Amino acid sequence: QVQLAESGGGLVQAGDSLRISCKTSGRTGGSYAMGWFRQAPGKEREFVAAISRNGGSTSYADFMRGRSTISRDNAENTVYLQMNSLKPEDTAVYYCARRAIVYSTIARTADEYAQWGQGTQVTVSS
């Protein structure tokens, strides 16, 4: 059973930076594209960023483009999301997810991901 575990969330001030991580159990290496989503209280889960299997292709939500970088270390089975210039509206639980289909391309919709982590809380104070 594959498990995804996010870490690195916390309470930061507006303008700060934060890097969150997602480690996948098992030797999956670079077989799956990965994504980050977030969900704020009372709102639907929304796409944040995605990365291809080898890290050569990435995609960002408009609200994160220019302020964040998604990356991965396949040797460590870990995906990262570096977020800069954080805003109070970035406050949410951030989830990492793995594509449902092995060797598939990146995707921006939640229903194309099959495995999800438990999430890590990011709170940005004003």
Foldseek 3Di string as FASTA:
>chain_A
DKAKAKDWADEEAAQAKTKIKIAIPDLPQLFWKKFKWWDDPPGDIFGAKIAHSQRPDMDGDPVQPPFWDWGDDSVRRMIMIMGGRDDQVVWTWMKMFTAPDTPDGIDGDPVRTDHIHPTDTHGYHD
